[in-house]
Amino acid sequence: METGSPALTGVAGDEPVWRGLPPGLLRMRRLLLVVWTGALVLAAGLLPGLLAGPAWAAFALLPLAPAAWAWLLLGRNWHSWRYAERADDLLIRRGVLWREETVVPYGRMQLVEVTSGPLERHFGLASVQLHTAAAATDAVIPGLDPGEAERLRDRLTELGEARSAGL
């Protein structure tokens, strides 16, 4: 299965078509990891090196092992995010160790927002936030292409209005 492209989860025609997140989200998160790790390396090496002597600058290597582990975990987490549009609801699946699947019925949606902060805009990303009457079922799909986010917002709004009109 190719990441970011739709793939059927089963053979039957009624199975949902799962879509992954674009790789730009992973690039953005890994860049943030590198920036924060660089700051930690600088602080862990520079301060002890200046205050206690050059041998203590070896503490700069301490943040590198957790950063390498986080690099791998970011990839696994990114790969675990999927969403699927079905006839009556939207499915969002995520998680590596603790898998979580959220089902948001179209008729329960009250508001669908597309947001994009400065860093997300720089990487060409947007998030779709779904609001329902029950705050526990609010959901978000991060890191989408802006065109896909707007398409999803329009489709979910249209389906939500059609389903809520029948209530």
N, C-alpha and C. Protein backbone atom coordinates (compact mmCIF):
# COMPACT_ATOMS: atom_id res chain seq x y z
N MET A 1 0.84 -1.18 0.00
CA MET A 1 0.00 0.00 0.00
C MET A 1 0.88 1.24 0.00
N GLU A 2 0.62 2.16 -0.87
CA GLU A 2 1.39 3.38 -0.99
C GLU A 2 0.85 4.41 -0.01
N THR A 3 1.71 5.06 0.74
CA THR A 3 1.30 6.04 1.72
C THR A 3 0.71 7.26 1.04
N GLY A 4 -0.41 7.73 1.62
CA GLY A 4 -1.03 8.93 1.10
C GLY A 4 -2.02 8.68 -0.01
N SER A 5 -2.10 7.47 -0.52
CA SER A 5 -3.06 7.18 -1.58
C SER A 5 -4.15 6.29 -1.03
N PRO A 6 -5.35 6.37 -1.58
CA PRO A 6 -6.44 5.55 -1.10
C PRO A 6 -6.14 4.07 -1.30
N ALA A 7 -6.60 3.27 -0.36
CA ALA A 7 -6.44 1.82 -0.46
C ALA A 7 -7.65 1.16 0.18
N LEU A 8 -8.16 0.14 -0.44
CA LEU A 8 -9.30 -0.57 0.13
C LEU A 8 -8.82 -1.41 1.29
N THR A 9 -9.65 -1.46 2.36
CA THR A 9 -9.29 -2.26 3.52
C THR A 9 -9.78 -3.68 3.38
N GLY A 10 -10.61 -3.97 2.43
CA GLY A 10 -11.12 -5.32 2.25
C GLY A 10 -11.52 -5.55 0.81
N VAL A 11 -12.12 -6.71 0.59
CA VAL A 11 -12.50 -7.08 -0.76
C VAL A 11 -13.91 -6.60 -1.08
N ALA A 12 -14.78 -6.55 -0.08
CA ALA A 12 -16.18 -6.19 -0.30
C ALA A 12 -16.31 -4.76 -0.77
N GLY A 13 -17.34 -4.48 -1.55
CA GLY A 13 -17.55 -3.15 -2.12
C GLY A 13 -17.99 -2.12 -1.10
N ASP A 14 -18.46 -2.56 0.08
CA ASP A 14 -18.92 -1.61 1.09
C ASP A 14 -17.85 -1.25 2.10
N GLU A 15 -16.65 -1.74 1.90
CA GLU A 15 -15.54 -1.40 2.80
C GLU A 15 -15.13 0.05 2.57
N PRO A 16 -14.72 0.74 3.62
CA PRO A 16 -14.30 2.13 3.44
C PRO A 16 -12.98 2.25 2.68
N VAL A 17 -12.82 3.36 2.01
CA VAL A 17 -11.56 3.66 1.32
C VAL A 17 -10.75 4.55 2.26
N TRP A 18 -9.67 4.01 2.78
CA TRP A 18 -8.84 4.73 3.75
C TRP A 18 -7.85 5.63 3.02
N ARG A 19 -7.70 6.85 3.51
CA ARG A 19 -6.73 7.79 2.97
C ARG A 19 -5.73 8.14 4.06
N GLY A 20 -4.46 8.21 3.67
CA GLY A 20 -3.42 8.59 4.62
C GLY A 20 -3.14 10.08 4.54
N LEU A 21 -2.28 10.53 5.42
CA LEU A 21 -1.91 11.94 5.45
C LEU A 21 -0.72 12.18 4.52
N PRO A 22 -0.63 13.38 3.94
CA PRO A 22 0.50 13.66 3.04
C PRO A 22 1.83 13.72 3.80
N PRO A 23 2.94 13.45 3.11
CA PRO A 23 4.25 13.42 3.77
C PRO A 23 4.72 14.78 4.29
N GLY A 24 4.09 15.86 3.88
CA GLY A 24 4.49 17.17 4.37
C GLY A 24 4.33 17.30 5.88
N LEU A 25 3.34 16.63 6.46
CA LEU A 25 3.14 16.66 7.91
C LEU A 25 4.32 16.01 8.62
N LEU A 26 4.78 14.90 8.09
CA LEU A 26 5.94 14.21 8.69
C LEU A 26 7.19 15.08 8.58
N ARG A 27 7.39 15.72 7.42
CA ARG A 27 8.55 16.61 7.25
C ARG A 27 8.50 17.76 8.25
N MET A 28 7.32 18.35 8.44
CA MET A 28 7.18 19.47 9.37
C MET A 28 7.50 19.03 10.80
N ARG A 29 6.94 17.90 11.21
CA ARG A 29 7.17 17.42 12.59
C ARG A 29 8.63 17.05 12.80
N ARG A 30 9.26 16.46 11.81
CA ARG A 30 10.68 16.10 11.96
C ARG A 30 11.57 17.34 11.97
N LEU A 31 11.20 18.37 11.23
CA LEU A 31 11.96 19.61 11.27
C LEU A 31 11.88 20.23 12.67
N LEU A 32 10.69 20.22 13.25
CA LEU A 32 10.55 20.73 14.63
C LEU A 32 11.40 19.92 15.60
N LEU A 33 11.44 18.61 15.41
CA LEU A 33 12.28 17.76 16.26
C LEU A 33 13.75 18.15 16.13
N VAL A 34 14.22 18.38 14.92
CA VAL A 34 15.61 18.76 14.71
C VAL A 34 15.91 20.11 15.35
N VAL A 35 15.00 21.06 15.21
CA VAL A 35 15.21 22.39 15.80
C VAL A 35 15.29 22.30 17.32
N TRP A 36 14.34 21.58 17.94
CA TRP A 36 14.35 21.47 19.41
C TRP A 36 15.54 20.65 19.89
N THR A 37 15.91 19.62 19.16
CA THR A 37 17.08 18.83 19.54
C THR A 37 18.34 19.67 19.44
N GLY A 38 18.44 20.49 18.40
CA GLY A 38 19.60 21.39 18.27
C GLY A 38 19.71 22.34 19.45
N ALA A 39 18.57 22.88 19.88
CA ALA A 39 18.58 23.78 21.05
C ALA A 39 19.02 23.02 22.30
N LEU A 40 18.55 21.80 22.48
CA LEU A 40 18.94 21.00 23.65
C LEU A 40 20.42 20.63 23.60
N VAL A 41 20.92 20.27 22.42
CA VAL A 41 22.33 19.93 22.27
C VAL A 41 23.19 21.14 22.61
N LEU A 42 22.79 22.28 22.12
CA LEU A 42 23.54 23.50 22.41
C LEU A 42 23.55 23.81 23.90
N ALA A 43 22.37 23.73 24.53
CA ALA A 43 22.28 24.02 25.97
C ALA A 43 23.03 22.97 26.79
N ALA A 44 22.88 21.70 26.44
CA ALA A 44 23.51 20.63 27.22
C ALA A 44 25.02 20.60 27.04
N GLY A 45 25.53 21.13 25.94
CA GLY A 45 26.97 21.12 25.73
C GLY A 45 27.64 22.42 26.07
N LEU A 46 27.00 23.52 25.76
CA LEU A 46 27.61 24.82 25.94
C LEU A 46 27.70 25.22 27.41
N LEU A 47 26.61 25.09 28.14
CA LEU A 47 26.62 25.51 29.54
C LEU A 47 27.63 24.72 30.38
N PRO A 48 27.58 23.37 30.38
CA PRO A 48 28.59 22.65 31.16
C PRO A 48 30.01 22.89 30.64
N GLY A 49 30.17 23.02 29.33
CA GLY A 49 31.50 23.25 28.76
C GLY A 49 32.09 24.57 29.22
N LEU A 50 31.27 25.61 29.31
CA LEU A 50 31.76 26.91 29.75
C LEU A 50 31.95 26.97 31.26
N LEU A 51 31.05 26.33 32.00
CA LEU A 51 31.11 26.44 33.46
C LEU A 51 32.04 25.44 34.12
N ALA A 52 32.15 24.22 33.59
CA ALA A 52 32.91 23.18 34.27
C ALA A 52 34.12 22.70 33.47
N GLY A 53 34.27 23.10 32.25
CA GLY A 53 35.42 22.68 31.47
C GLY A 53 35.01 21.95 30.20
N PRO A 54 35.92 21.87 29.25
CA PRO A 54 35.60 21.30 27.94
C PRO A 54 35.17 19.82 27.98
N ALA A 55 35.66 19.05 28.94
CA ALA A 55 35.28 17.64 29.01
C ALA A 55 33.78 17.47 29.26
N TRP A 56 33.20 18.43 29.96
CA TRP A 56 31.77 18.35 30.28
C TRP A 56 30.90 18.67 29.07
N ALA A 57 31.50 19.17 28.00
CA ALA A 57 30.73 19.46 26.78
C ALA A 57 30.21 18.17 26.13
N ALA A 58 30.70 17.02 26.57
CA ALA A 58 30.21 15.74 26.04
C ALA A 58 28.73 15.52 26.37
N PHE A 59 28.21 16.28 27.33
CA PHE A 59 26.77 16.18 27.65
C PHE A 59 25.90 16.58 26.45
N ALA A 60 26.52 17.22 25.48
CA ALA A 60 25.77 17.61 24.28
C ALA A 60 25.28 16.38 23.52
N LEU A 61 25.90 15.23 23.73
CA LEU A 61 25.49 14.02 23.03
C LEU A 61 24.25 13.36 23.63
N LEU A 62 23.91 13.72 24.86
CA LEU A 62 22.78 13.08 25.54
C LEU A 62 21.44 13.22 24.81
N PRO A 63 21.08 14.38 24.28
CA PRO A 63 19.77 14.47 23.61
C PRO A 63 19.69 13.75 22.28
N LEU A 64 20.81 13.28 21.73
CA LEU A 64 20.79 12.69 20.39
C LEU A 64 20.09 11.33 20.35
N ALA A 65 20.26 10.50 21.37
CA ALA A 65 19.62 9.18 21.37
C ALA A 65 18.09 9.31 21.46
N PRO A 66 17.56 10.11 22.40
CA PRO A 66 16.09 10.28 22.41
C PRO A 66 15.57 10.92 21.12
N ALA A 67 16.35 11.79 20.51
CA ALA A 67 15.91 12.42 19.26
C ALA A 67 15.84 11.39 18.14
N ALA A 68 16.79 10.48 18.09
CA ALA A 68 16.76 9.43 17.07
C ALA A 68 15.54 8.52 17.26
N TRP A 69 15.23 8.21 18.51
CA TRP A 69 14.05 7.40 18.82
C TRP A 69 12.78 8.16 18.43
N ALA A 70 12.72 9.44 18.75
CA ALA A 70 11.55 10.25 18.40
C ALA A 70 11.38 10.35 16.89
N TRP A 71 12.49 10.39 16.15
CA TRP A 71 12.44 10.44 14.67
C TRP A 71 11.67 9.23 14.14
N LEU A 72 12.00 8.05 14.68
CA LEU A 72 11.32 6.82 14.26
C LEU A 72 9.85 6.81 14.69
N LEU A 73 9.59 7.26 15.91
CA LEU A 73 8.21 7.28 16.41
C LEU A 73 7.34 8.24 15.62
N LEU A 74 7.90 9.37 15.20
CA LEU A 74 7.12 10.31 14.38
C LEU A 74 6.68 9.65 13.08
N GLY A 75 7.57 8.87 12.47
CA GLY A 75 7.22 8.17 11.24
C GLY A 75 6.12 7.14 11.46
N ARG A 76 6.21 6.39 12.54
CA ARG A 76 5.18 5.39 12.84
C ARG A 76 3.85 6.06 13.14
N ASN A 77 3.87 7.16 13.89
CA ASN A 77 2.63 7.86 14.21
C ASN A 77 1.99 8.43 12.96
N TRP A 78 2.80 9.05 12.10
CA TRP A 78 2.27 9.63 10.86
C TRP A 78 1.63 8.54 10.00
N HIS A 79 2.29 7.41 9.92
CA HIS A 79 1.78 6.32 9.10
C HIS A 79 0.48 5.74 9.66
N SER A 80 0.23 5.88 10.95
CA SER A 80 -0.97 5.29 11.56
C SER A 80 -2.24 6.11 11.30
N TRP A 81 -2.11 7.37 10.93
CA TRP A 81 -3.28 8.23 10.70
C TRP A 81 -3.96 7.85 9.39
N ARG A 82 -5.26 7.62 9.43
CA ARG A 82 -6.07 7.32 8.26
C ARG A 82 -7.46 7.91 8.48
N TYR A 83 -8.11 8.25 7.39
CA TYR A 83 -9.52 8.66 7.47
C TYR A 83 -10.26 8.09 6.28
N ALA A 84 -11.56 7.87 6.46
CA ALA A 84 -12.39 7.29 5.41
C ALA A 84 -13.77 7.91 5.47
N GLU A 85 -14.29 8.24 4.30
CA GLU A 85 -15.65 8.77 4.18
C GLU A 85 -16.56 7.61 3.81
N ARG A 86 -17.59 7.39 4.64
CA ARG A 86 -18.58 6.37 4.32
C ARG A 86 -19.91 7.05 4.03
N ALA A 87 -20.93 6.27 3.77
CA ALA A 87 -22.23 6.83 3.40
C ALA A 87 -22.85 7.66 4.51
N ASP A 88 -22.69 7.23 5.78
CA ASP A 88 -23.36 7.91 6.89
C ASP A 88 -22.43 8.56 7.89
N ASP A 89 -21.14 8.29 7.79
CA ASP A 89 -20.24 8.83 8.80
C ASP A 89 -18.81 8.93 8.26
N LEU A 90 -17.98 9.60 9.07
CA LEU A 90 -16.56 9.75 8.76
C LEU A 90 -15.78 8.95 9.80
N LEU A 91 -14.83 8.17 9.35
CA LEU A 91 -13.98 7.38 10.25
C LEU A 91 -12.60 8.01 10.31
N ILE A 92 -12.06 8.10 11.51
CA ILE A 92 -10.68 8.57 11.69
C ILE A 92 -9.97 7.53 12.54
N ARG A 93 -8.87 7.00 12.03
CA ARG A 93 -8.11 5.96 12.72
C ARG A 93 -6.70 6.48 12.94
N ARG A 94 -6.19 6.26 14.16
CA ARG A 94 -4.84 6.71 14.48
C ARG A 94 -4.30 5.89 15.65
N GLY A 95 -3.01 5.99 15.85
CA GLY A 95 -2.38 5.36 17.00
C GLY A 95 -1.52 4.17 16.63
N VAL A 96 -0.42 4.01 17.35
CA VAL A 96 0.48 2.90 17.13
C VAL A 96 0.30 1.88 18.25
N LEU A 97 0.57 2.27 19.48
CA LEU A 97 0.37 1.36 20.61
C LEU A 97 -1.09 1.30 21.02
N TRP A 98 -1.70 2.45 21.22
CA TRP A 98 -3.11 2.55 21.56
C TRP A 98 -3.85 3.05 20.33
N ARG A 99 -4.46 2.14 19.63
CA ARG A 99 -5.19 2.51 18.42
C ARG A 99 -6.54 3.10 18.80
N GLU A 100 -6.90 4.12 18.08
CA GLU A 100 -8.15 4.81 18.34
C GLU A 100 -8.88 5.00 17.02
N GLU A 101 -10.14 4.67 17.00
CA GLU A 101 -10.96 4.90 15.82
C GLU A 101 -12.17 5.73 16.23
N THR A 102 -12.31 6.87 15.60
CA THR A 102 -13.42 7.78 15.89
C THR A 102 -14.40 7.71 14.73
N VAL A 103 -15.67 7.56 15.06
CA VAL A 103 -16.73 7.55 14.07
C VAL A 103 -17.58 8.79 14.32
N VAL A 104 -17.65 9.66 13.32
CA VAL A 104 -18.43 10.89 13.44
C VAL A 104 -19.58 10.84 12.44
N PRO A 105 -20.82 10.62 12.91
CA PRO A 105 -21.95 10.61 11.99
C PRO A 105 -22.16 12.00 11.38
N TYR A 106 -22.45 12.03 10.09
CA TYR A 106 -22.62 13.31 9.40
C TYR A 106 -23.73 14.14 10.03
N GLY A 107 -24.81 13.51 10.45
CA GLY A 107 -25.94 14.24 11.03
C GLY A 107 -25.63 14.90 12.36
N ARG A 108 -24.57 14.49 13.04
CA ARG A 108 -24.18 15.06 14.34
C ARG A 108 -23.21 16.22 14.22
N MET A 109 -22.68 16.45 13.02
CA MET A 109 -21.70 17.54 12.85
C MET A 109 -22.39 18.88 12.91
N GLN A 110 -21.84 19.77 13.72
CA GLN A 110 -22.38 21.12 13.83
C GLN A 110 -21.50 22.14 13.12
N LEU A 111 -20.21 21.87 13.11
CA LEU A 111 -19.26 22.83 12.53
C LEU A 111 -18.06 22.07 12.00
N VAL A 112 -17.62 22.44 10.81
CA VAL A 112 -16.41 21.87 10.22
C VAL A 112 -15.49 23.04 9.88
N GLU A 113 -14.31 23.06 10.50
CA GLU A 113 -13.36 24.16 10.31
C GLU A 113 -12.11 23.66 9.59
N VAL A 114 -11.55 24.53 8.78
CA VAL A 114 -10.23 24.29 8.19
C VAL A 114 -9.30 25.33 8.79
N THR A 115 -8.25 24.88 9.45
CA THR A 115 -7.29 25.80 10.07
C THR A 115 -5.89 25.53 9.52
N SER A 116 -5.08 26.58 9.54
CA SER A 116 -3.70 26.45 9.07
C SER A 116 -2.88 27.54 9.74
N GLY A 117 -1.99 27.14 10.64
CA GLY A 117 -1.12 28.09 11.31
C GLY A 117 0.04 28.48 10.40
N PRO A 118 0.90 29.39 10.86
CA PRO A 118 2.01 29.85 10.02
C PRO A 118 2.95 28.73 9.58
N LEU A 119 3.28 27.82 10.48
CA LEU A 119 4.18 26.72 10.12
C LEU A 119 3.49 25.76 9.15
N GLU A 120 2.22 25.48 9.39
CA GLU A 120 1.47 24.61 8.47
C GLU A 120 1.38 25.25 7.08
N ARG A 121 1.13 26.55 7.04
CA ARG A 121 1.04 27.22 5.74
C ARG A 121 2.37 27.16 5.00
N HIS A 122 3.47 27.29 5.73
CA HIS A 122 4.80 27.21 5.11
C HIS A 122 5.01 25.85 4.44
N PHE A 123 4.48 24.80 5.06
CA PHE A 123 4.63 23.45 4.51
C PHE A 123 3.46 23.06 3.61
N GLY A 124 2.53 23.99 3.36
CA GLY A 124 1.39 23.70 2.49
C GLY A 124 0.41 22.71 3.09
N LEU A 125 0.10 22.88 4.38
CA LEU A 125 -0.78 21.97 5.10
C LEU A 125 -1.95 22.70 5.74
N ALA A 126 -3.00 21.96 6.02
CA ALA A 126 -4.16 22.49 6.74
C ALA A 126 -4.77 21.35 7.54
N SER A 127 -5.51 21.69 8.59
CA SER A 127 -6.18 20.70 9.42
C SER A 127 -7.68 20.89 9.32
N VAL A 128 -8.41 19.80 9.41
CA VAL A 128 -9.87 19.84 9.42
C VAL A 128 -10.32 19.48 10.83
N GLN A 129 -11.07 20.38 11.46
CA GLN A 129 -11.59 20.18 12.82
C GLN A 129 -13.09 19.98 12.72
N LEU A 130 -13.59 18.88 13.29
CA LEU A 130 -15.01 18.56 13.29
C LEU A 130 -15.57 18.80 14.68
N HIS A 131 -16.64 19.56 14.78
CA HIS A 131 -17.29 19.82 16.06
C HIS A 131 -18.68 19.20 16.04
N THR A 132 -19.02 18.51 17.12
CA THR A 132 -20.33 17.91 17.27
C THR A 132 -20.97 18.43 18.54
N ALA A 133 -22.22 18.02 18.80
CA ALA A 133 -22.92 18.45 20.01
C ALA A 133 -22.21 17.93 21.26
N ALA A 134 -21.68 16.74 21.19
CA ALA A 134 -20.93 16.17 22.32
C ALA A 134 -19.45 16.44 22.09
N ALA A 135 -18.84 17.15 23.04
CA ALA A 135 -17.42 17.51 22.89
C ALA A 135 -16.52 16.28 22.80
N ALA A 136 -16.96 15.16 23.36
CA ALA A 136 -16.14 13.95 23.35
C ALA A 136 -15.97 13.39 21.94
N THR A 137 -16.88 13.71 21.02
CA THR A 137 -16.77 13.18 19.67
C THR A 137 -16.18 14.17 18.69
N ASP A 138 -15.69 15.32 19.16
CA ASP A 138 -14.99 16.23 18.28
C ASP A 138 -13.74 15.51 17.75
N ALA A 139 -13.39 15.80 16.52
CA ALA A 139 -12.26 15.10 15.91
C ALA A 139 -11.49 16.06 15.03
N VAL A 140 -10.24 15.70 14.75
CA VAL A 140 -9.38 16.52 13.89
C VAL A 140 -8.61 15.60 12.95
N ILE A 141 -8.42 16.08 11.73
CA ILE A 141 -7.55 15.41 10.76
C ILE A 141 -6.45 16.42 10.44
N PRO A 142 -5.23 16.19 10.94
CA PRO A 142 -4.15 17.16 10.75
C PRO A 142 -3.40 16.95 9.44
N GLY A 143 -2.72 18.00 9.00
CA GLY A 143 -1.73 17.89 7.94
C GLY A 143 -2.23 17.54 6.56
N LEU A 144 -3.42 17.95 6.19
CA LEU A 144 -3.92 17.68 4.85
C LEU A 144 -3.45 18.75 3.87
N ASP A 145 -3.46 18.42 2.59
CA ASP A 145 -3.24 19.44 1.57
C ASP A 145 -4.42 20.41 1.65
N PRO A 146 -4.20 21.72 1.50
CA PRO A 146 -5.30 22.68 1.63
C PRO A 146 -6.48 22.40 0.69
N GLY A 147 -6.22 21.96 -0.52
CA GLY A 147 -7.30 21.63 -1.44
C GLY A 147 -8.14 20.47 -0.94
N GLU A 148 -7.48 19.44 -0.42
CA GLU A 148 -8.19 18.28 0.13
C GLU A 148 -8.96 18.68 1.39
N ALA A 149 -8.37 19.55 2.21
CA ALA A 149 -9.06 20.01 3.42
C ALA A 149 -10.33 20.77 3.07
N GLU A 150 -10.25 21.63 2.07
CA GLU A 150 -11.44 22.39 1.66
C GLU A 150 -12.48 21.48 1.02
N ARG A 151 -12.03 20.52 0.21
CA ARG A 151 -12.96 19.56 -0.39
C ARG A 151 -13.68 18.76 0.69
N LEU A 152 -12.91 18.30 1.68
CA LEU A 152 -13.48 17.53 2.78
C LEU A 152 -14.45 18.37 3.60
N ARG A 153 -14.07 19.61 3.88
CA ARG A 153 -14.96 20.51 4.62
C ARG A 153 -16.29 20.70 3.87
N ASP A 154 -16.21 20.99 2.57
CA ASP A 154 -17.42 21.21 1.79
C ASP A 154 -18.29 19.96 1.74
N ARG A 155 -17.66 18.81 1.55
CA ARG A 155 -18.42 17.57 1.48
C ARG A 155 -19.06 17.24 2.82
N LEU A 156 -18.31 17.38 3.90
CA LEU A 156 -18.85 17.07 5.22
C LEU A 156 -19.97 18.04 5.60
N THR A 157 -19.81 19.30 5.25
CA THR A 157 -20.86 20.28 5.53
C THR A 157 -22.12 19.94 4.75
N GLU A 158 -21.95 19.61 3.49
CA GLU A 158 -23.10 19.25 2.65
C GLU A 158 -23.81 18.01 3.19
N LEU A 159 -23.05 16.98 3.53
CA LEU A 159 -23.64 15.75 4.06
C LEU A 159 -24.24 15.99 5.43
N GLY A 160 -23.60 16.81 6.26
CA GLY A 160 -24.14 17.12 7.58
C GLY A 160 -25.47 17.85 7.49
N GLU A 161 -25.58 18.81 6.57
CA GLU A 161 -26.84 19.54 6.40
C GLU A 161 -27.93 18.60 5.89
N ALA A 162 -27.60 17.72 4.96
CA ALA A 162 -28.59 16.79 4.42
C ALA A 162 -29.07 15.81 5.50
N ARG A 163 -28.15 15.31 6.33
CA ARG A 163 -28.53 14.35 7.37
C ARG A 163 -29.29 15.01 8.52
N SER A 164 -28.88 16.24 8.89
CA SER A 164 -29.56 16.90 10.01
C SER A 164 -30.95 17.40 9.60
N ALA A 165 -31.19 17.63 8.32
CA ALA A 165 -32.51 18.07 7.86
C ALA A 165 -33.53 16.98 8.07
N GLY A 166 -33.09 15.72 8.08
CA GLY A 166 -34.00 14.60 8.26
C GLY A 166 -34.33 14.33 9.71
N LEU A 167 -33.68 15.01 10.66
CA LEU A 167 -33.92 14.76 12.10
C LEU A 167 -35.19 15.41 12.59
